Amino acid sequence: MKPGRTTLHFERGGFYADVENAMALLGGRCGTRTIPGPSALKISEAVKRLFKSGKELDSTGISFHKIAS
């Protein structure tokens, strides 16, 4: 596993959020992505607030979109 950056995708209730450029440990052969504990908690809380509010957060690297019907 080597340090790198990745994009995380979340979907809930007809909306999706992408967290881009997240620091992670990346498995070159298997494609595993591991987000270190403190970063995982920050991302989780930000995405949770985003879905709860249903609005865009003022956070760099997080995009929030309604899924087209």
PDB file of N, CA and C in Angstrom:
ATOM      1  N   MET A   1       0.848  -1.167   0.000  1.00  0.00           N
ATOM      2  CA  MET A   1       0.000   0.000   0.000  1.00  0.00           C
ATOM      3  C   MET A   1       0.904   1.243   0.000  1.00  0.00           C
ATOM      4  N   LYS A   2       0.533   2.194  -0.846  1.00  0.00           N
ATOM      5  CA  LYS A   2       1.308   3.430  -0.950  1.00  0.00           C
ATOM      6  C   LYS A   2       0.381   4.628  -0.739  1.00  0.00           C
ATOM      7  N   PRO A   3       0.922   5.702  -0.145  1.00  0.00           N
ATOM      8  CA  PRO A   3       0.108   6.910   0.017  1.00  0.00           C
ATOM      9  C   PRO A   3      -0.255   7.497  -1.344  1.00  0.00           C
ATOM     10  N   GLY A   4      -1.465   8.019  -1.422  1.00  0.00           N
ATOM     11  CA  GLY A   4      -1.920   8.651  -2.646  1.00  0.00           C
ATOM     12  C   GLY A   4      -3.222   9.393  -2.397  1.00  0.00           C
ATOM     13  N   ARG A   5      -3.919   9.717  -3.455  1.00  0.00           N
ATOM     14  CA  ARG A   5      -5.190  10.436  -3.367  1.00  0.00           C
ATOM     15  C   ARG A   5      -6.237   9.693  -4.177  1.00  0.00           C
ATOM     16  N   THR A   6      -7.499   9.807  -3.747  1.00  0.00           N
ATOM     17  CA  THR A   6      -8.585   9.108  -4.412  1.00  0.00           C
ATOM     18  C   THR A   6      -9.860   9.935  -4.336  1.00  0.00           C
ATOM     19  N   THR A   7     -10.866   9.523  -5.082  1.00  0.00           N
ATOM     20  CA  THR A   7     -12.188  10.133  -5.026  1.00  0.00           C
ATOM     21  C   THR A   7     -13.140   9.130  -4.389  1.00  0.00           C
ATOM     22  N   LEU A   8     -13.935   9.592  -3.442  1.00  0.00           N
ATOM     23  CA  LEU A   8     -14.924   8.756  -2.761  1.00  0.00           C
ATOM     24  C   LEU A   8     -16.315   9.167  -3.215  1.00  0.00           C
ATOM     25  N   HIS A   9     -17.184   8.195  -3.448  1.00  0.00           N
ATOM     26  CA  HIS A   9     -18.538   8.454  -3.923  1.00  0.00           C
ATOM     27  C   HIS A   9     -19.544   8.000  -2.864  1.00  0.00           C
ATOM     28  N   PHE A  10     -20.533   8.846  -2.594  1.00  0.00           N
ATOM     29  CA  PHE A  10     -21.588   8.532  -1.638  1.00  0.00           C
ATOM     30  C   PHE A  10     -22.928   8.802  -2.311  1.00  0.00           C
ATOM     31  N   GLU A  11     -23.944   7.992  -1.997  1.00  0.00           N
ATOM     32  CA  GLU A  11     -25.271   8.202  -2.546  1.00  0.00           C
ATOM     33  C   GLU A  11     -26.313   7.941  -1.467  1.00  0.00           C
ATOM     34  N   ARG A  12     -27.307   8.836  -1.413  1.00  0.00           N
ATOM     35  CA  ARG A  12     -28.386   8.670  -0.438  1.00  0.00           C
ATOM     36  C   ARG A  12     -29.591   9.503  -0.877  1.00  0.00           C
ATOM     37  N   GLY A  13     -30.769   8.899  -0.864  1.00  0.00           N
ATOM     38  CA  GLY A  13     -32.017   9.608  -1.094  1.00  0.00           C
ATOM     39  C   GLY A  13     -32.085  10.400  -2.386  1.00  0.00           C
ATOM     40  N   GLY A  14     -31.548   9.871  -3.468  1.00  0.00           N
ATOM     41  CA  GLY A  14     -31.611  10.546  -4.747  1.00  0.00           C
ATOM     42  C   GLY A  14     -30.541  11.604  -4.968  1.00  0.00           C
ATOM     43  N   PHE A  15     -29.612  11.712  -4.054  1.00  0.00           N
ATOM     44  CA  PHE A  15     -28.499  12.653  -4.194  1.00  0.00           C
ATOM     45  C   PHE A  15     -27.195  11.885  -4.101  1.00  0.00           C
ATOM     46  N   TYR A  16     -26.151  12.451  -4.708  1.00  0.00           N
ATOM     47  CA  TYR A  16     -24.836  11.849  -4.518  1.00  0.00           C
ATOM     48  C   TYR A  16     -23.812  12.932  -4.219  1.00  0.00           C
ATOM     49  N   ALA A  17     -22.767  12.538  -3.541  1.00  0.00           N
ATOM     50  CA  ALA A  17     -21.679  13.448  -3.192  1.00  0.00           C
ATOM     51  C   ALA A  17     -20.363  12.773  -3.563  1.00  0.00           C
ATOM     52  N   ASP A  18     -19.449  13.554  -4.110  1.00  0.00           N
ATOM     53  CA  ASP A  18     -18.103  13.081  -4.414  1.00  0.00           C
ATOM     54  C   ASP A  18     -17.116  13.853  -3.553  1.00  0.00           C
ATOM     55  N   VAL A  19     -16.257  13.143  -2.882  1.00  0.00           N
ATOM     56  CA  VAL A  19     -15.165  13.766  -2.139  1.00  0.00           C
ATOM     57  C   VAL A  19     -13.914  13.499  -2.957  1.00  0.00           C
ATOM     58  N   GLU A  20     -13.387  14.544  -3.547  1.00  0.00           N
ATOM     59  CA  GLU A  20     -12.254  14.412  -4.450  1.00  0.00           C
ATOM     60  C   GLU A  20     -10.938  14.683  -3.734  1.00  0.00           C
ATOM     61  N   ASN A  21      -9.903  14.033  -4.211  1.00  0.00           N
ATOM     62  CA  ASN A  21      -8.547  14.298  -3.741  1.00  0.00           C
ATOM     63  C   ASN A  21      -8.337  13.939  -2.273  1.00  0.00           C
ATOM     64  N   ALA A  22      -9.027  12.901  -1.792  1.00  0.00           N
ATOM     65  CA  ALA A  22      -8.894  12.458  -0.399  1.00  0.00           C
ATOM     66  C   ALA A  22      -7.597  11.668  -0.227  1.00  0.00           C
ATOM     67  N   MET A  23      -6.865  11.969   0.833  1.00  0.00           N
ATOM     68  CA  MET A  23      -5.642  11.225   1.144  1.00  0.00           C
ATOM     69  C   MET A  23      -6.020   9.792   1.515  1.00  0.00           C
ATOM     70  N   ALA A  24      -5.281   8.830   0.962  1.00  0.00           N
ATOM     71  CA  ALA A  24      -5.581   7.423   1.213  1.00  0.00           C
ATOM     72  C   ALA A  24      -4.321   6.588   1.058  1.00  0.00           C
ATOM     73  N   LEU A  25      -4.404   5.357   1.527  1.00  0.00           N
ATOM     74  CA  LEU A  25      -3.394   4.349   1.229  1.00  0.00           C
ATOM     75  C   LEU A  25      -3.993   3.505   0.111  1.00  0.00           C
ATOM     76  N   LEU A  26      -3.275   3.385  -0.998  1.00  0.00           N
ATOM     77  CA  LEU A  26      -3.798   2.724  -2.184  1.00  0.00           C
ATOM     78  C   LEU A  26      -3.055   1.430  -2.465  1.00  0.00           C
ATOM     79  N   GLY A  27      -3.825   0.375  -2.689  1.00  0.00           N
ATOM     80  CA  GLY A  27      -3.247  -0.919  -3.056  1.00  0.00           C
ATOM     81  C   GLY A  27      -3.077  -0.982  -4.563  1.00  0.00           C
ATOM     82  N   GLY A  28      -1.846  -1.061  -5.032  1.00  0.00           N
ATOM     83  CA  GLY A  28      -1.566  -1.030  -6.456  1.00  0.00           C
ATOM     84  C   GLY A  28      -2.101  -2.219  -7.227  1.00  0.00           C
ATOM     85  N   ARG A  29      -2.121  -3.368  -6.632  1.00  0.00           N
ATOM     86  CA  ARG A  29      -2.566  -4.571  -7.348  1.00  0.00           C
ATOM     87  C   ARG A  29      -4.060  -4.815  -7.200  1.00  0.00           C
ATOM     88  N   CYS A  30      -4.582  -4.644  -5.993  1.00  0.00           N
ATOM     89  CA  CYS A  30      -5.975  -5.017  -5.741  1.00  0.00           C
ATOM     90  C   CYS A  30      -6.938  -3.835  -5.816  1.00  0.00           C
ATOM     91  N   GLY A  31      -6.424  -2.604  -5.815  1.00  0.00           N
ATOM     92  CA  GLY A  31      -7.289  -1.434  -5.898  1.00  0.00           C
ATOM     93  C   GLY A  31      -7.912  -1.015  -4.583  1.00  0.00           C
ATOM     94  N   THR A  32      -7.491  -1.628  -3.478  1.00  0.00           N
ATOM     95  CA  THR A  32      -8.012  -1.267  -2.166  1.00  0.00           C
ATOM     96  C   THR A  32      -7.661   0.167  -1.828  1.00  0.00           C
ATOM     97  N   ARG A  33      -8.615   0.885  -1.231  1.00  0.00           N
ATOM     98  CA  ARG A  33      -8.380   2.254  -0.761  1.00  0.00           C
ATOM     99  C   ARG A  33      -8.674   2.280   0.732  1.00  0.00           C
ATOM    100  N   THR A  34      -7.715   2.729   1.508  1.00  0.00           N
ATOM    101  CA  THR A  34      -7.887   2.831   2.950  1.00  0.00           C
ATOM    102  C   THR A  34      -7.693   4.284   3.353  1.00  0.00           C
ATOM    103  N   ILE A  35      -8.701   4.842   4.010  1.00  0.00           N
ATOM    104  CA  ILE A  35      -8.630   6.222   4.471  1.00  0.00           C
ATOM    105  C   ILE A  35      -8.210   6.194   5.934  1.00  0.00           C
ATOM    106  N   PRO A  36      -7.125   6.894   6.311  1.00  0.00           N
ATOM    107  CA  PRO A  36      -6.677   6.914   7.702  1.00  0.00           C
ATOM    108  C   PRO A  36      -7.777   7.441   8.638  1.00  0.00           C
ATOM    109  N   GLY A  37      -7.837   6.921   9.856  1.00  0.00           N
ATOM    110  CA  GLY A  37      -8.877   7.215  10.834  1.00  0.00           C
ATOM    111  C   GLY A  37      -9.320   8.667  10.945  1.00  0.00           C
ATOM    112  N   PRO A  38      -8.422   9.618  11.268  1.00  0.00           N
ATOM    113  CA  PRO A  38      -8.850  11.014  11.433  1.00  0.00           C
ATOM    114  C   PRO A  38      -9.468  11.593  10.154  1.00  0.00           C
ATOM    115  N   SER A  39      -8.901  11.270   9.010  1.00  0.00           N
ATOM    116  CA  SER A  39      -9.447  11.758   7.739  1.00  0.00           C
ATOM    117  C   SER A  39     -10.799  11.119   7.461  1.00  0.00           C
ATOM    118  N   ALA A  40     -10.931   9.831   7.736  1.00  0.00           N
ATOM    119  CA  ALA A  40     -12.199   9.131   7.513  1.00  0.00           C
ATOM    120  C   ALA A  40     -13.307   9.750   8.361  1.00  0.00           C
ATOM    121  N   LEU A  41     -13.003  10.101   9.610  1.00  0.00           N
ATOM    122  CA  LEU A  41     -14.007  10.719  10.483  1.00  0.00           C
ATOM    123  C   LEU A  41     -14.425  12.092   9.966  1.00  0.00           C
ATOM    124  N   LYS A  42     -13.464  12.904   9.514  1.00  0.00           N
ATOM    125  CA  LYS A  42     -13.779  14.234   8.976  1.00  0.00           C
ATOM    126  C   LYS A  42     -14.657  14.118   7.730  1.00  0.00           C
ATOM    127  N   ILE A  43     -14.296  13.220   6.834  1.00  0.00           N
ATOM    128  CA  ILE A  43     -15.061  13.028   5.609  1.00  0.00           C
ATOM    129  C   ILE A  43     -16.461  12.530   5.946  1.00  0.00           C
ATOM    130  N   SER A  44     -16.556  11.567   6.826  1.00  0.00           N
ATOM    131  CA  SER A  44     -17.845  11.002   7.217  1.00  0.00           C
ATOM    132  C   SER A  44     -18.772  12.070   7.792  1.00  0.00           C
ATOM    133  N   GLU A  45     -18.252  12.892   8.689  1.00  0.00           N
ATOM    134  CA  GLU A  45     -19.065  13.948   9.303  1.00  0.00           C
ATOM    135  C   GLU A  45     -19.498  14.992   8.279  1.00  0.00           C
ATOM    136  N   ALA A  46     -18.597  15.376   7.372  1.00  0.00           N
ATOM    137  CA  ALA A  46     -18.930  16.369   6.353  1.00  0.00           C
ATOM    138  C   ALA A  46     -20.018  15.843   5.420  1.00  0.00           C
ATOM    139  N   VAL A  47     -19.895  14.595   4.994  1.00  0.00           N
ATOM    140  CA  VAL A  47     -20.881  14.012   4.092  1.00  0.00           C
ATOM    141  C   VAL A  47     -22.215  13.830   4.810  1.00  0.00           C
ATOM    142  N   LYS A  48     -22.170  13.436   6.075  1.00  0.00           N
ATOM    143  CA  LYS A  48     -23.396  13.284   6.864  1.00  0.00           C
ATOM    144  C   LYS A  48     -24.145  14.616   6.963  1.00  0.00           C
ATOM    145  N   ARG A  49     -23.412  15.704   7.259  1.00  0.00           N
ATOM    146  CA  ARG A  49     -24.029  17.040   7.329  1.00  0.00           C
ATOM    147  C   ARG A  49     -24.591  17.449   5.977  1.00  0.00           C
ATOM    148  N   LEU A  50     -23.864  17.135   4.929  1.00  0.00           N
ATOM    149  CA  LEU A  50     -24.288  17.484   3.580  1.00  0.00           C
ATOM    150  C   LEU A  50     -25.624  16.825   3.238  1.00  0.00           C
ATOM    151  N   PHE A  51     -25.738  15.527   3.455  1.00  0.00           N
ATOM    152  CA  PHE A  51     -26.975  14.830   3.147  1.00  0.00           C
ATOM    153  C   PHE A  51     -28.119  15.290   4.067  1.00  0.00           C
ATOM    154  N   LYS A  52     -27.796  15.596   5.302  1.00  0.00           N
ATOM    155  CA  LYS A  52     -28.829  16.050   6.242  1.00  0.00           C
ATOM    156  C   LYS A  52     -29.378  17.409   5.820  1.00  0.00           C
ATOM    157  N   SER A  53     -28.514  18.306   5.384  1.00  0.00           N
ATOM    158  CA  SER A  53     -28.940  19.663   5.028  1.00  0.00           C
ATOM    159  C   SER A  53     -29.551  19.722   3.634  1.00  0.00           C
ATOM    160  N   GLY A  54     -29.100  18.843   2.731  1.00  0.00           N
ATOM    161  CA  GLY A  54     -29.596  18.869   1.360  1.00  0.00           C
ATOM    162  C   GLY A  54     -29.090  20.051   0.571  1.00  0.00           C
ATOM    163  N   LYS A  55     -28.061  20.707   1.049  1.00  0.00           N
ATOM    164  CA  LYS A  55     -27.497  21.877   0.379  1.00  0.00           C
ATOM    165  C   LYS A  55     -26.004  21.666   0.190  1.00  0.00           C
ATOM    166  N   GLU A  56     -25.415  22.524  -0.627  1.00  0.00           N
ATOM    167  CA  GLU A  56     -23.972  22.441  -0.827  1.00  0.00           C
ATOM    168  C   GLU A  56     -23.238  22.937   0.411  1.00  0.00           C
ATOM    169  N   LEU A  57     -22.204  22.238   0.777  1.00  0.00           N
ATOM    170  CA  LEU A  57     -21.347  22.672   1.875  1.00  0.00           C
ATOM    171  C   LEU A  57     -20.272  23.589   1.325  1.00  0.00           C
ATOM    172  N   ASP A  58     -19.801  24.475   2.150  1.00  0.00           N
ATOM    173  CA  ASP A  58     -18.706  25.356   1.748  1.00  0.00           C
ATOM    174  C   ASP A  58     -17.387  24.663   2.083  1.00  0.00           C
ATOM    175  N   SER A  59     -17.137  23.523   1.417  1.00  0.00           N
ATOM    176  CA  SER A  59     -15.923  22.746   1.653  1.00  0.00           C
ATOM    177  C   SER A  59     -15.262  22.430   0.327  1.00  0.00           C
ATOM    178  N   THR A  60     -14.022  22.756   0.192  1.00  0.00           N
ATOM    179  CA  THR A  60     -13.296  22.455  -1.029  1.00  0.00           C
ATOM    180  C   THR A  60     -13.231  20.949  -1.233  1.00  0.00           C
ATOM    181  N   GLY A  61     -13.488  20.532  -2.454  1.00  0.00           N
ATOM    182  CA  GLY A  61     -13.330  19.115  -2.807  1.00  0.00           C
ATOM    183  C   GLY A  61     -14.564  18.267  -2.619  1.00  0.00           C
ATOM    184  N   ILE A  62     -15.704  18.832  -2.186  1.00  0.00           N
ATOM    185  CA  ILE A  62     -16.917  18.043  -2.064  1.00  0.00           C
ATOM    186  C   ILE A  62     -17.954  18.608  -3.016  1.00  0.00           C
ATOM    187  N   SER A  63     -18.442  17.795  -3.920  1.00  0.00           N
ATOM    188  CA  SER A  63     -19.521  18.214  -4.802  1.00  0.00           C
ATOM    189  C   SER A  63     -20.768  17.403  -4.473  1.00  0.00           C
ATOM    190  N   PHE A  64     -21.932  18.031  -4.636  1.00  0.00           N
ATOM    191  CA  PHE A  64     -23.193  17.437  -4.225  1.00  0.00           C
ATOM    192  C   PHE A  64     -24.202  17.627  -5.349  1.00  0.00           C
ATOM    193  N   HIS A  65     -24.847  16.549  -5.799  1.00  0.00           N
ATOM    194  CA  HIS A  65     -25.721  16.620  -6.970  1.00  0.00           C
ATOM    195  C   HIS A  65     -26.952  15.764  -6.780  1.00  0.00           C
ATOM    196  N   LYS A  66     -28.065  16.207  -7.379  1.00  0.00           N
ATOM    197  CA  LYS A  66     -29.259  15.379  -7.434  1.00  0.00           C
ATOM    198  C   LYS A  66     -29.101  14.417  -8.608  1.00  0.00           C
ATOM    199  N   ILE A  67     -29.487  13.168  -8.419  1.00  0.00           N
ATOM    200  CA  ILE A  67     -29.391  12.172  -9.467  1.00  0.00           C
ATOM    201  C   ILE A  67     -30.512  12.416 -10.460  1.00  0.00           C
ATOM    202  N   ALA A  68     -30.176  12.436 -11.734  1.00  0.00           N
ATOM    203  CA  ALA A  68     -31.169  12.656 -12.779  1.00  0.00           C
ATOM    204  C   ALA A  68     -32.147  11.499 -12.816  1.00  0.00           C
ATOM    205  N   SER A  69     -33.418  11.824 -12.967  1.00  0.00           N
ATOM    206  CA  SER A  69     -34.455  10.787 -13.002  1.00  0.00           C
ATOM    207  C   SER A  69     -34.571  10.157 -14.366  1.00  0.00           C
TER     208      SER A  69
END
